[in-house]
Amino acid sequence: MALKSLIQNQKLRIDSHHSGKVIPDNLAGVHIHKSFYQGKRQSKSVKISIKGDKIDFDKDFDDDERRSIVNEINKILEKDKQKLIEFSRFLAKAVYRWSQREVSVEEAKNYASGIAGILDLNPNASMELIKIVAGELDQYISVFSNTGNKFYSIIQTRKRFIIRPGSAI
């Protein structure tokens, strides 16, 4: 899953580096991977935890470059509402997919809030990011119930209501 249009000649993608493996803590290690290119070759990258709790830079970034990258993303998301909407939807889809469809809206809001903090977004952009992520996930809420030792997965969207037997919590 990639968002190519955020910054020219750069792209964002969601990655876990655990291709084909189940991730025990649904979002452990899942990150937004921002690659920088010189020509057609990747030169450096930054990883932002999808939970919004850390940002990792390649070791060859100096402090000025680190601040510059955060500022660059910050300016784009704060000044271009369409880019903020695209990024928010990108984030919501990633959280939903990588959490194995078991994320609550509150958890997603916390993740979006953490990412807004890491990127030092202003209050208006932060609230918009959180609102859009929550609104996108509102259609993906999964609820599990146990009735007499039988498990059911209840998946509610704006258009459908699905009940699946046999999905244990």
Foldseek 3Di string as FASTA:
>chain_A
DKDQPLDPQKIWDWDQVQPPDQDPQLQVRIWIKIFHDDPPDTDWIKTARLLLPDIDTPPPDDPVNVVVVLVVSQCSLQPPVVSLLVVLLNSLVVCCVSSVLADALVSNLSSLLSNCVVSVHDPVSSVVSSVSSSVNCQQRHWDWDADPNWIWIWGHGPVDTDIDTDDDD
